[in-house]
N, C-alpha and C. Protein backbone atom coordinates (compact mmCIF):
# COMPACT_ATOMS: atom_id res chain seq x y z
N UNK A 1 96.77 93.47 73.89
CA UNK A 1 97.26 93.32 75.26
C UNK A 1 98.76 93.09 75.23
N UNK A 2 99.44 93.76 76.10
CA UNK A 2 100.89 93.65 76.21
C UNK A 2 101.24 92.55 77.21
N UNK A 3 102.13 91.66 76.79
CA UNK A 3 102.61 90.61 77.69
C UNK A 3 103.78 91.19 78.48
N UNK A 4 103.65 91.15 79.80
CA UNK A 4 104.69 91.70 80.67
C UNK A 4 105.22 90.60 81.59
N UNK A 5 106.33 90.90 82.25
CA UNK A 5 106.87 89.96 83.24
C UNK A 5 105.81 89.68 84.29
N UNK A 6 105.17 90.74 84.77
CA UNK A 6 104.19 90.56 85.83
C UNK A 6 103.03 89.67 85.37
N UNK A 7 102.52 89.91 84.17
CA UNK A 7 101.38 89.10 83.71
C UNK A 7 101.76 87.64 83.55
N UNK A 8 102.96 87.38 83.07
CA UNK A 8 103.42 86.00 82.89
C UNK A 8 103.61 85.31 84.25
N UNK A 9 104.29 85.99 85.17
CA UNK A 9 104.56 85.39 86.48
C UNK A 9 103.24 85.23 87.25
N UNK A 10 102.38 86.23 87.21
CA UNK A 10 101.10 86.16 87.92
C UNK A 10 100.27 85.00 87.38
N UNK A 11 100.18 84.87 86.07
CA UNK A 11 99.42 83.77 85.46
C UNK A 11 100.04 82.42 85.82
N UNK A 12 101.37 82.34 85.81
CA UNK A 12 102.05 81.10 86.18
C UNK A 12 101.67 80.68 87.59
N UNK A 13 101.71 81.61 88.53
CA UNK A 13 101.44 81.27 89.93
C UNK A 13 99.97 80.88 90.11
N UNK A 14 99.06 81.57 89.46
CA UNK A 14 97.64 81.22 89.55
C UNK A 14 97.41 79.82 88.99
N UNK A 15 97.99 79.52 87.82
CA UNK A 15 97.85 78.18 87.24
C UNK A 15 98.47 77.11 88.14
N UNK A 16 99.61 77.44 88.71
CA UNK A 16 100.28 76.53 89.64
C UNK A 16 99.36 76.20 90.82
N UNK A 17 98.74 77.23 91.39
CA UNK A 17 97.84 77.01 92.53
C UNK A 17 96.62 76.17 92.14
N UNK A 18 96.09 76.40 90.96
CA UNK A 18 94.94 75.61 90.51
C UNK A 18 95.33 74.14 90.33
N UNK A 19 96.50 73.90 89.77
CA UNK A 19 96.98 72.52 89.64
C UNK A 19 97.19 71.88 91.01
N UNK A 20 97.72 72.65 91.94
CA UNK A 20 97.94 72.13 93.29
C UNK A 20 96.62 71.79 93.98
N UNK A 21 95.59 72.57 93.73
CA UNK A 21 94.28 72.26 94.31
C UNK A 21 93.75 70.94 93.77
N UNK A 22 94.01 70.67 92.50
CA UNK A 22 93.60 69.37 91.93
C UNK A 22 94.39 68.23 92.56
N UNK A 23 95.69 68.42 92.74
CA UNK A 23 96.52 67.41 93.40
C UNK A 23 96.05 67.19 94.83
N UNK A 24 95.75 68.28 95.53
CA UNK A 24 95.31 68.18 96.91
C UNK A 24 94.00 67.41 97.02
N UNK A 25 93.08 67.68 96.10
CA UNK A 25 91.79 66.97 96.13
C UNK A 25 92.01 65.47 95.92
N UNK A 26 92.84 65.13 94.94
CA UNK A 26 93.15 63.72 94.68
C UNK A 26 93.82 63.07 95.88
N UNK A 27 94.81 63.74 96.45
CA UNK A 27 95.52 63.20 97.61
C UNK A 27 94.60 63.06 98.82
N UNK A 28 93.69 64.00 98.99
CA UNK A 28 92.74 63.92 100.10
C UNK A 28 91.85 62.70 99.98
N UNK A 29 91.34 62.46 98.78
CA UNK A 29 90.51 61.26 98.56
C UNK A 29 91.31 60.00 98.86
N UNK A 30 92.57 60.00 98.44
CA UNK A 30 93.43 58.83 98.67
C UNK A 30 93.68 58.63 100.16
N UNK A 31 93.92 59.70 100.90
CA UNK A 31 94.15 59.58 102.34
C UNK A 31 92.91 59.01 103.05
N UNK A 32 91.74 59.51 102.69
CA UNK A 32 90.50 59.02 103.30
C UNK A 32 90.30 57.55 102.96
N UNK A 33 90.58 57.16 101.73
CA UNK A 33 90.44 55.75 101.32
C UNK A 33 91.38 54.84 102.10
N UNK A 34 92.51 55.39 102.53
CA UNK A 34 93.48 54.60 103.30
C UNK A 34 93.19 54.61 104.80
N UNK A 35 92.17 55.37 105.21
CA UNK A 35 91.83 55.45 106.63
C UNK A 35 92.23 56.75 107.29
N UNK A 36 92.69 57.70 106.51
CA UNK A 36 93.08 59.00 107.05
C UNK A 36 91.87 59.89 107.30
N UNK A 37 92.11 60.99 107.97
CA UNK A 37 91.03 61.94 108.25
C UNK A 37 91.60 63.36 108.26
N UNK A 38 90.70 64.32 108.09
CA UNK A 38 91.08 65.73 108.04
C UNK A 38 90.96 66.36 109.42
N UNK A 39 91.91 67.22 109.76
CA UNK A 39 91.84 68.04 110.97
C UNK A 39 92.03 69.50 110.56
N UNK A 40 91.63 70.40 111.43
CA UNK A 40 91.84 71.82 111.16
C UNK A 40 90.90 72.40 110.12
N UNK A 41 89.82 71.72 109.85
CA UNK A 41 88.88 72.18 108.83
C UNK A 41 88.36 73.59 109.14
N UNK A 42 88.20 73.89 110.44
CA UNK A 42 87.62 75.18 110.83
C UNK A 42 88.51 76.37 110.47
N UNK A 43 89.80 76.19 110.37
CA UNK A 43 90.66 77.32 110.01
C UNK A 43 91.04 77.32 108.52
N UNK A 44 90.72 76.28 107.79
CA UNK A 44 91.11 76.21 106.38
C UNK A 44 90.54 77.36 105.57
N UNK A 45 89.32 77.78 105.87
CA UNK A 45 88.69 78.89 105.13
C UNK A 45 89.51 80.17 105.25
N UNK A 46 90.20 80.35 106.38
CA UNK A 46 91.03 81.53 106.55
C UNK A 46 92.30 81.46 105.70
N UNK A 47 92.79 80.27 105.49
CA UNK A 47 93.95 80.09 104.61
C UNK A 47 93.55 80.40 103.17
N UNK A 48 92.40 79.90 102.76
CA UNK A 48 91.90 80.18 101.41
C UNK A 48 91.70 81.69 101.24
N UNK A 49 91.07 82.31 102.22
CA UNK A 49 90.83 83.76 102.18
C UNK A 49 92.15 84.53 102.12
N UNK A 50 93.11 84.12 102.92
CA UNK A 50 94.41 84.78 102.94
C UNK A 50 95.06 84.74 101.55
N UNK A 51 95.05 83.58 100.92
CA UNK A 51 95.72 83.45 99.62
C UNK A 51 94.95 84.17 98.51
N UNK A 52 93.63 84.12 98.55
CA UNK A 52 92.84 84.85 97.55
C UNK A 52 93.07 86.35 97.71
N UNK A 53 93.06 86.82 98.96
CA UNK A 53 93.30 88.24 99.21
C UNK A 53 94.72 88.65 98.82
N UNK A 54 95.67 87.75 99.02
CA UNK A 54 97.05 88.03 98.62
C UNK A 54 97.13 88.33 97.13
N UNK A 55 96.53 87.47 96.32
CA UNK A 55 96.61 87.69 94.87
C UNK A 55 95.89 88.96 94.45
N UNK A 56 94.77 89.25 95.08
CA UNK A 56 94.04 90.48 94.77
C UNK A 56 94.87 91.71 95.17
N UNK A 57 95.47 91.66 96.37
CA UNK A 57 96.29 92.77 96.84
C UNK A 57 97.53 92.95 95.98
N UNK A 58 98.18 91.85 95.63
CA UNK A 58 99.36 91.92 94.77
C UNK A 58 99.02 92.58 93.45
N UNK A 59 97.97 92.08 92.81
CA UNK A 59 97.53 92.64 91.53
C UNK A 59 97.21 94.13 91.69
N UNK A 60 96.44 94.45 92.71
CA UNK A 60 96.04 95.84 92.92
C UNK A 60 97.21 96.77 93.20
N UNK A 61 98.13 96.35 94.07
CA UNK A 61 99.25 97.22 94.40
C UNK A 61 100.20 97.40 93.22
N UNK A 62 100.46 96.34 92.50
CA UNK A 62 101.35 96.45 91.34
C UNK A 62 100.78 97.45 90.33
N UNK A 63 99.49 97.35 90.06
CA UNK A 63 98.88 98.28 89.11
C UNK A 63 98.74 99.68 89.69
N UNK A 64 98.42 99.81 90.97
CA UNK A 64 98.30 101.12 91.60
C UNK A 64 99.63 101.87 91.58
N UNK A 65 100.71 101.15 91.68
CA UNK A 65 102.04 101.77 91.64
C UNK A 65 102.57 101.93 90.22
N UNK A 66 101.83 101.42 89.25
CA UNK A 66 102.28 101.51 87.86
C UNK A 66 103.44 100.58 87.55
N UNK A 67 103.57 99.49 88.30
CA UNK A 67 104.70 98.57 88.16
C UNK A 67 104.41 97.36 87.28
N UNK A 68 103.24 97.35 86.64
CA UNK A 68 102.86 96.16 85.87
C UNK A 68 103.77 95.89 84.67
N UNK A 69 104.49 96.89 84.18
CA UNK A 69 105.36 96.68 83.03
C UNK A 69 106.85 96.59 83.41
N UNK A 70 107.13 96.65 84.70
CA UNK A 70 108.53 96.64 85.11
C UNK A 70 109.15 95.24 85.01
N UNK A 71 110.44 95.22 84.87
CA UNK A 71 111.20 93.98 84.98
C UNK A 71 111.34 93.70 86.47
N UNK A 72 111.15 92.46 86.89
CA UNK A 72 111.22 92.19 88.33
C UNK A 72 112.59 92.50 88.92
N UNK A 73 112.57 92.95 90.18
CA UNK A 73 113.82 93.20 90.90
C UNK A 73 114.56 91.87 91.06
N UNK A 74 115.87 91.89 90.82
CA UNK A 74 116.67 90.68 90.74
C UNK A 74 116.68 89.79 91.95
N UNK A 75 117.07 90.30 93.12
CA UNK A 75 117.22 89.45 94.31
C UNK A 75 115.89 88.83 94.76
N UNK A 76 114.82 89.62 94.91
CA UNK A 76 113.56 88.99 95.32
C UNK A 76 113.05 88.00 94.28
N UNK A 77 113.22 88.33 93.01
CA UNK A 77 112.74 87.41 91.98
C UNK A 77 113.56 86.13 91.95
N UNK A 78 114.86 86.24 92.17
CA UNK A 78 115.71 85.05 92.23
C UNK A 78 115.29 84.16 93.41
N UNK A 79 115.01 84.76 94.56
CA UNK A 79 114.55 83.98 95.72
C UNK A 79 113.18 83.36 95.46
N UNK A 80 112.33 84.08 94.75
CA UNK A 80 111.03 83.52 94.37
C UNK A 80 111.23 82.28 93.49
N UNK A 81 112.16 82.36 92.55
CA UNK A 81 112.43 81.21 91.67
C UNK A 81 113.00 80.04 92.47
N UNK A 82 113.87 80.31 93.43
CA UNK A 82 114.39 79.26 94.30
C UNK A 82 113.23 78.61 95.06
N UNK A 83 112.31 79.43 95.55
CA UNK A 83 111.14 78.90 96.27
C UNK A 83 110.32 77.97 95.39
N UNK A 84 110.26 78.24 94.08
CA UNK A 84 109.51 77.36 93.19
C UNK A 84 110.18 75.99 93.09
N UNK A 85 111.50 75.99 93.06
CA UNK A 85 112.22 74.71 93.07
C UNK A 85 112.00 73.96 94.37
N UNK A 86 112.02 74.69 95.48
CA UNK A 86 111.75 74.07 96.78
C UNK A 86 110.32 73.54 96.85
N UNK A 87 109.37 74.26 96.25
CA UNK A 87 107.97 73.82 96.22
C UNK A 87 107.85 72.47 95.53
N UNK A 88 108.51 72.32 94.39
CA UNK A 88 108.47 71.05 93.66
C UNK A 88 109.11 69.94 94.49
N UNK A 89 110.22 70.25 95.15
CA UNK A 89 110.91 69.27 95.99
C UNK A 89 110.00 68.81 97.13
N UNK A 90 109.27 69.74 97.74
CA UNK A 90 108.33 69.40 98.81
C UNK A 90 107.23 68.49 98.28
N UNK A 91 106.62 68.86 97.16
CA UNK A 91 105.53 68.06 96.59
C UNK A 91 106.00 66.65 96.25
N UNK A 92 107.15 66.54 95.63
CA UNK A 92 107.68 65.23 95.27
C UNK A 92 108.04 64.41 96.51
N UNK A 93 108.58 65.07 97.52
CA UNK A 93 108.97 64.38 98.75
C UNK A 93 107.76 63.85 99.52
N UNK A 94 106.71 64.65 99.61
CA UNK A 94 105.52 64.23 100.36
C UNK A 94 104.64 63.27 99.57
N UNK A 95 104.67 63.38 98.24
CA UNK A 95 103.85 62.48 97.42
C UNK A 95 102.39 62.53 97.82
N UNK A 96 101.82 61.37 98.14
CA UNK A 96 100.38 61.30 98.46
C UNK A 96 100.03 62.03 99.75
N UNK A 97 101.02 62.37 100.58
CA UNK A 97 100.76 63.07 101.83
C UNK A 97 100.67 64.58 101.66
N UNK A 98 101.05 65.12 100.50
CA UNK A 98 101.00 66.57 100.30
C UNK A 98 99.54 67.01 100.16
N UNK A 99 99.20 68.13 100.79
CA UNK A 99 97.86 68.65 100.66
C UNK A 99 97.82 70.10 101.12
N UNK A 100 96.82 70.83 100.66
CA UNK A 100 96.58 72.18 101.16
C UNK A 100 95.79 72.12 102.46
N UNK A 101 95.15 71.00 102.71
CA UNK A 101 94.43 70.74 103.96
C UNK A 101 95.32 69.87 104.84
N UNK A 102 94.88 69.59 106.05
CA UNK A 102 95.64 68.73 106.94
C UNK A 102 94.94 67.37 107.00
N UNK A 103 95.55 66.38 106.39
CA UNK A 103 95.08 65.00 106.49
C UNK A 103 96.13 64.21 107.25
N UNK A 104 95.67 63.36 108.16
CA UNK A 104 96.60 62.49 108.87
C UNK A 104 96.17 61.04 108.66
N UNK A 105 97.15 60.20 108.56
CA UNK A 105 96.92 58.77 108.37
C UNK A 105 97.43 58.04 109.61
N UNK A 106 96.50 57.56 110.46
CA UNK A 106 96.92 56.90 111.70
C UNK A 106 97.93 55.78 111.45
N UNK A 107 98.95 55.76 112.31
CA UNK A 107 99.97 54.72 112.24
C UNK A 107 101.06 54.96 111.22
N UNK A 108 100.96 56.02 110.45
CA UNK A 108 101.97 56.25 109.41
C UNK A 108 103.25 56.83 110.00
N UNK A 109 104.31 56.63 109.27
CA UNK A 109 105.61 57.20 109.63
C UNK A 109 105.71 58.58 108.99
N UNK A 110 106.38 59.53 109.64
CA UNK A 110 106.53 60.85 109.01
C UNK A 110 107.44 60.76 107.79
N UNK A 111 107.19 61.61 106.83
CA UNK A 111 108.06 61.70 105.66
C UNK A 111 109.35 62.35 106.14
N UNK A 112 110.46 61.67 105.89
CA UNK A 112 111.76 62.17 106.34
C UNK A 112 112.77 62.20 105.19
N UNK A 113 112.27 62.41 103.99
CA UNK A 113 113.15 62.52 102.82
C UNK A 113 113.02 63.93 102.25
N UNK A 114 113.88 64.22 101.29
CA UNK A 114 113.85 65.54 100.69
C UNK A 114 114.14 66.60 101.74
N UNK A 115 113.46 67.74 101.67
CA UNK A 115 113.74 68.82 102.63
C UNK A 115 113.30 68.47 104.05
N UNK A 116 112.49 67.42 104.20
CA UNK A 116 112.04 66.99 105.52
C UNK A 116 113.16 66.33 106.32
N UNK A 117 114.28 66.06 105.69
CA UNK A 117 115.46 65.58 106.42
C UNK A 117 116.02 66.70 107.29
N UNK A 118 115.74 67.95 106.92
CA UNK A 118 116.38 69.10 107.55
C UNK A 118 115.46 69.95 108.42
N UNK A 119 114.16 69.95 108.14
CA UNK A 119 113.23 70.74 108.92
C UNK A 119 111.82 70.16 108.83
N UNK A 120 110.98 70.56 109.78
CA UNK A 120 109.64 69.97 109.87
C UNK A 120 108.64 70.55 108.88
N UNK A 121 108.79 71.81 108.51
CA UNK A 121 107.75 72.46 107.70
C UNK A 121 108.31 73.22 106.49
N UNK A 122 109.00 72.54 105.60
CA UNK A 122 109.54 73.25 104.44
C UNK A 122 108.45 73.85 103.53
N UNK A 123 107.27 73.24 103.49
CA UNK A 123 106.21 73.80 102.66
C UNK A 123 105.81 75.18 103.14
N UNK A 124 105.76 75.37 104.46
CA UNK A 124 105.40 76.68 105.00
C UNK A 124 106.52 77.69 104.79
N UNK A 125 107.75 77.22 104.77
CA UNK A 125 108.87 78.10 104.45
C UNK A 125 108.73 78.60 103.01
N UNK A 126 108.37 77.70 102.11
CA UNK A 126 108.17 78.08 100.70
C UNK A 126 107.08 79.13 100.58
N UNK A 127 105.96 78.91 101.22
CA UNK A 127 104.84 79.86 101.16
C UNK A 127 105.27 81.21 101.72
N UNK A 128 105.95 81.20 102.86
CA UNK A 128 106.42 82.45 103.46
C UNK A 128 107.37 83.20 102.51
N UNK A 129 108.28 82.45 101.90
CA UNK A 129 109.19 83.07 100.92
C UNK A 129 108.43 83.70 99.76
N UNK A 130 107.45 82.98 99.26
CA UNK A 130 106.67 83.50 98.12
C UNK A 130 105.89 84.75 98.49
N UNK A 131 105.31 84.77 99.68
CA UNK A 131 104.51 85.91 100.10
C UNK A 131 105.35 87.17 100.28
N UNK A 132 106.64 87.00 100.50
CA UNK A 132 107.55 88.14 100.60
C UNK A 132 108.15 88.48 99.25
N UNK A 133 108.70 87.47 98.58
CA UNK A 133 109.52 87.74 97.40
C UNK A 133 108.72 88.11 96.15
N UNK A 134 107.58 87.49 95.94
CA UNK A 134 106.81 87.82 94.74
C UNK A 134 106.37 89.28 94.74
N UNK A 135 105.78 89.79 95.82
CA UNK A 135 105.43 91.21 95.81
C UNK A 135 106.66 92.12 95.71
N UNK A 136 107.72 91.79 96.44
CA UNK A 136 108.92 92.65 96.39
C UNK A 136 109.55 92.66 95.00
N UNK A 137 109.43 91.56 94.28
CA UNK A 137 109.97 91.51 92.92
C UNK A 137 109.33 92.56 92.02
N UNK A 138 108.08 92.93 92.35
CA UNK A 138 107.36 93.91 91.53
C UNK A 138 107.03 95.18 92.31
N UNK A 139 107.78 95.46 93.36
CA UNK A 139 107.66 96.72 94.08
C UNK A 139 106.41 96.85 94.94
N UNK A 140 105.77 95.75 95.28
CA UNK A 140 104.55 95.78 96.08
C UNK A 140 104.89 95.49 97.54
N UNK A 141 105.60 96.40 98.17
CA UNK A 141 106.12 96.15 99.51
C UNK A 141 105.02 96.12 100.57
N UNK A 142 103.94 96.85 100.38
CA UNK A 142 102.84 96.80 101.35
C UNK A 142 102.20 95.40 101.38
N UNK A 143 102.01 94.83 100.22
CA UNK A 143 101.46 93.47 100.13
C UNK A 143 102.41 92.49 100.79
N UNK A 144 103.69 92.62 100.54
CA UNK A 144 104.68 91.73 101.16
C UNK A 144 104.61 91.82 102.68
N UNK A 145 104.57 93.02 103.21
CA UNK A 145 104.54 93.22 104.66
C UNK A 145 103.24 92.69 105.27
N UNK A 146 102.11 93.12 104.73
CA UNK A 146 100.82 92.74 105.29
C UNK A 146 100.61 91.23 105.28
N UNK A 147 100.90 90.58 104.16
CA UNK A 147 100.61 89.16 104.06
C UNK A 147 101.66 88.29 104.74
N UNK A 148 102.83 88.81 104.98
CA UNK A 148 103.80 88.09 105.80
C UNK A 148 103.29 88.02 107.24
N UNK A 149 102.77 89.13 107.74
CA UNK A 149 102.22 89.16 109.10
C UNK A 149 100.98 88.29 109.20
N UNK A 150 100.06 88.43 108.24
CA UNK A 150 98.83 87.62 108.27
C UNK A 150 99.14 86.12 108.16
N UNK A 151 100.09 85.77 107.31
CA UNK A 151 100.47 84.37 107.17
C UNK A 151 101.05 83.82 108.47
N UNK A 152 101.86 84.60 109.15
CA UNK A 152 102.43 84.16 110.42
C UNK A 152 101.32 83.89 111.44
N UNK A 153 100.30 84.73 111.46
CA UNK A 153 99.19 84.52 112.39
C UNK A 153 98.41 83.24 112.05
N UNK A 154 98.16 83.02 110.78
CA UNK A 154 97.43 81.82 110.36
C UNK A 154 98.27 80.57 110.62
N UNK A 155 99.56 80.64 110.36
CA UNK A 155 100.42 79.47 110.57
C UNK A 155 100.53 79.08 112.04
N UNK A 156 100.41 80.04 112.94
CA UNK A 156 100.43 79.70 114.37
C UNK A 156 99.31 78.72 114.69
N UNK A 157 98.14 78.96 114.15
CA UNK A 157 97.00 78.09 114.38
C UNK A 157 97.16 76.78 113.62
N UNK A 158 97.53 76.89 112.36
CA UNK A 158 97.61 75.71 111.50
C UNK A 158 98.67 74.72 111.98
N UNK A 159 99.85 75.20 112.28
CA UNK A 159 100.93 74.31 112.70
C UNK A 159 100.60 73.64 114.02
N UNK A 160 99.99 74.37 114.92
CA UNK A 160 99.59 73.77 116.19
C UNK A 160 98.61 72.62 115.96
N UNK A 161 97.62 72.84 115.10
CA UNK A 161 96.62 71.80 114.81
C UNK A 161 97.27 70.62 114.09
N UNK A 162 98.12 70.91 113.13
CA UNK A 162 98.76 69.85 112.35
C UNK A 162 99.68 68.99 113.21
N UNK A 163 100.54 69.63 113.98
CA UNK A 163 101.48 68.87 114.79
C UNK A 163 100.76 68.07 115.87
N UNK A 164 99.73 68.65 116.48
CA UNK A 164 98.99 67.93 117.52
C UNK A 164 98.37 66.66 116.94
N UNK A 165 97.74 66.77 115.79
CA UNK A 165 97.11 65.60 115.16
C UNK A 165 98.16 64.56 114.78
N UNK A 166 99.27 65.00 114.22
CA UNK A 166 100.32 64.06 113.83
C UNK A 166 100.93 63.37 115.04
N UNK A 167 101.12 64.09 116.13
CA UNK A 167 101.67 63.51 117.35
C UNK A 167 100.72 62.46 117.93
N UNK A 168 99.43 62.74 117.86
CA UNK A 168 98.43 61.84 118.45
C UNK A 168 98.29 60.52 117.71
N UNK A 169 98.43 60.52 116.38
CA UNK A 169 98.10 59.29 115.63
C UNK A 169 99.21 58.74 114.75
N UNK A 170 100.38 59.38 114.75
CA UNK A 170 101.49 58.88 113.94
C UNK A 170 102.77 58.88 114.77
N UNK A 171 103.86 58.50 114.13
CA UNK A 171 105.18 58.51 114.78
C UNK A 171 105.89 59.84 114.58
N UNK A 172 105.14 60.90 114.44
CA UNK A 172 105.70 62.23 114.14
C UNK A 172 106.69 62.69 115.22
N UNK A 173 106.32 62.57 116.49
CA UNK A 173 107.18 63.07 117.56
C UNK A 173 108.53 62.35 117.56
N UNK A 174 108.51 61.05 117.35
CA UNK A 174 109.76 60.29 117.33
C UNK A 174 110.62 60.62 116.11
N UNK A 175 109.98 60.79 114.97
CA UNK A 175 110.72 61.02 113.74
C UNK A 175 111.16 62.45 113.52
N UNK A 176 110.33 63.40 113.94
CA UNK A 176 110.60 64.81 113.61
C UNK A 176 110.93 65.67 114.82
N UNK A 177 110.90 65.10 116.00
CA UNK A 177 111.05 65.87 117.22
C UNK A 177 112.29 66.72 117.33
N UNK A 178 113.41 66.29 116.77
CA UNK A 178 114.65 67.05 116.90
C UNK A 178 114.89 68.04 115.77
N UNK A 179 113.98 68.09 114.81
CA UNK A 179 114.13 69.03 113.69
C UNK A 179 113.48 70.36 114.04
N UNK A 180 114.07 71.42 113.55
CA UNK A 180 113.48 72.75 113.71
C UNK A 180 112.28 72.87 112.79
N UNK A 181 111.38 73.77 113.13
CA UNK A 181 110.19 73.96 112.29
C UNK A 181 110.55 74.60 110.95
N UNK A 182 111.34 75.67 110.99
CA UNK A 182 111.53 76.47 109.79
C UNK A 182 112.97 76.64 109.34
N UNK A 183 113.92 76.50 110.24
CA UNK A 183 115.32 76.66 109.88
C UNK A 183 115.97 75.29 109.76
N UNK A 184 116.73 75.05 108.73
CA UNK A 184 117.29 73.71 108.51
C UNK A 184 118.18 73.24 109.65
N UNK A 185 118.01 71.99 109.99
CA UNK A 185 118.89 71.31 110.93
C UNK A 185 119.96 70.63 110.07
N UNK A 186 121.17 71.09 110.17
CA UNK A 186 122.23 70.59 109.28
C UNK A 186 123.05 69.47 109.89
N UNK A 187 122.67 68.97 111.06
CA UNK A 187 123.47 67.94 111.72
C UNK A 187 123.08 66.53 111.31
N UNK A 188 122.53 66.32 110.18
CA UNK A 188 122.12 64.99 109.71
C UNK A 188 123.29 64.32 109.03
């Protein structure tokens, strides 16, 4: 078997997601133990389906185009690497509050450190960047286009559910109300 850029990057991202699922499970148990609860459970299956389909489509399109042995395109791959750094920053900033599901802890203060000083949803920005840049790095432009649109549709539902729950039981509105959802607020 030949080791290629695509196989290394693809394996890295899959392993990263598996580790994140373990972190999410641990953090979810911790939130429940502290009195937190999950919201948006009904749409979570669509997020899982979206991401599983993304990896299948990415793999399929890269191989269908014969791009599995190519060196990744520079600009999209560089942005993908930046997104990985942002992903780590988000995870470290949220700590026990980070999850792939939506858990809220009544009475808690919103996290306002790290990238959350500048915008409300940096984790979703990271995911959006990855869904565009990873496929484009390997010439899979159909996957980039399709999953960018699908992700936007899913995020409309998810963000509405997440923000509503946070507004109802935490100080989210007071702490995050003046921040933009996706574009950094630089007036801090």
